[in-house]
Each structure stands twice: as structure tokens, then as C-alpha cells.
């Protein structure tokens, strides 16, 4: 399932994002946001319950898939 997110980000972050995407042709905005958000959830997620552990594993899978995705 894919969910669209509309978010405001600081101008400086937008500039850095644009610069990165201009120099890394194999990445797009959706892939970059999926990698960043999933890494944040892996690093900051709760691990006290079975549900939290499952969520962390799913976030880790999204992160790894995003990072190691090969250009088509």
C-alpha cells in the first residue's frame, strides 16, 4: 500500500534535497523520503512489544529496499 504525504519542509532542506536529486539520477523524491522516514522509524521506534518489533522490521525492510534499489 502506498500513502501520499504532503509536508512542508524548511527552504534549506528543500535546497539540499533538490541538489542531491540533481546529482543522483537513480534517486527520486519518493525513494528518498521512503528511505529517510523508514531509517528514522528504525532508529527511534519502540521495541517493547511484539507489534513494535514487527513494525520496526517492516520499516527496516522498506529502508533496505529503498537504499539498495537498482535503477531500472
Protein backbone atom coordinates (compact mmCIF):
# COMPACT_ATOMS: atom_id res chain seq x y z
CA UNK A 1 0.00 0.00 0.00
CA UNK A 2 1.24 3.48 -0.85
CA UNK A 3 0.15 6.58 1.07
CA UNK A 4 0.75 10.09 -0.24
CA UNK A 5 2.11 12.65 2.21
CA UNK A 6 2.02 16.40 1.80
CA UNK A 7 4.52 18.08 4.09
CA UNK A 8 6.13 21.48 4.37
CA UNK A 9 9.89 21.39 4.82
CA UNK A 10 12.35 24.21 5.55
CA UNK A 11 13.73 26.00 2.49
CA UNK A 12 17.28 24.91 3.35
CA UNK A 13 16.23 21.26 3.43
CA UNK A 14 14.39 21.66 0.13
CA UNK A 15 17.56 23.12 -1.42
CA UNK A 16 19.67 20.24 -0.15
CA UNK A 17 17.08 17.73 -1.39
CA UNK A 18 16.99 19.33 -4.84
CA UNK A 19 20.78 19.39 -5.07
CA UNK A 20 21.03 15.74 -4.05
CA UNK A 21 18.41 14.63 -6.56
CA UNK A 22 20.11 16.61 -9.36
CA UNK A 23 23.40 14.77 -8.75
CA UNK A 24 21.98 11.28 -8.09
CA UNK A 25 19.92 10.31 -11.12
CA UNK A 26 18.95 6.90 -9.74
CA UNK A 27 17.08 8.51 -6.82
CA UNK A 28 13.74 10.30 -6.89
CA UNK A 29 11.86 12.23 -4.23
CA UNK A 30 9.61 9.30 -3.27
CA UNK A 31 12.55 6.90 -2.84
CA UNK A 32 14.50 9.45 -0.80
CA UNK A 33 11.58 10.18 1.54
CA UNK A 34 10.84 6.45 1.99
CA UNK A 35 14.49 5.80 2.90
CA UNK A 36 14.69 8.77 5.29
CA UNK A 37 11.39 8.09 7.04
CA UNK A 38 11.99 4.37 7.41
CA UNK A 39 15.50 4.93 8.79
CA UNK A 40 14.07 7.39 11.33
CA UNK A 41 11.47 4.83 12.41
CA UNK A 42 14.07 2.06 12.71
CA UNK A 43 16.35 4.26 14.81
CA UNK A 44 13.63 5.75 17.01
CA UNK A 45 10.95 3.07 17.15
CA UNK A 46 9.79 1.34 20.28
CA UNK A 47 10.91 -2.25 20.85
CA UNK A 48 8.93 -3.17 23.95
CA UNK A 49 6.13 -5.14 22.31
CA UNK A 50 5.73 -7.74 19.60
CA UNK A 51 3.76 -5.24 17.49
CA UNK A 52 6.53 -2.65 17.81
CA UNK A 53 9.13 -5.24 16.88
CA UNK A 54 7.15 -6.22 13.78
CA UNK A 55 6.74 -2.55 12.80
CA UNK A 56 10.47 -2.00 13.20
CA UNK A 57 11.23 -5.00 11.00
CA UNK A 58 8.84 -3.70 8.34
CA UNK A 59 10.43 -0.24 8.47
CA UNK A 60 13.88 -1.83 8.17
CA UNK A 61 12.73 -3.76 5.10
CA UNK A 62 11.43 -0.55 3.46
CA UNK A 63 14.71 1.20 4.27
CA UNK A 64 16.87 -1.55 2.80
CA UNK A 65 14.66 -1.85 -0.28
CA UNK A 66 14.91 1.92 -0.81
CA UNK A 67 18.65 2.12 -0.35
CA UNK A 68 19.58 -0.91 -2.43
CA UNK A 69 17.03 -0.39 -5.20
CA UNK A 70 18.76 -0.66 -8.55
CA UNK A 71 17.87 1.74 -11.33
CA UNK A 72 15.60 0.21 -13.95
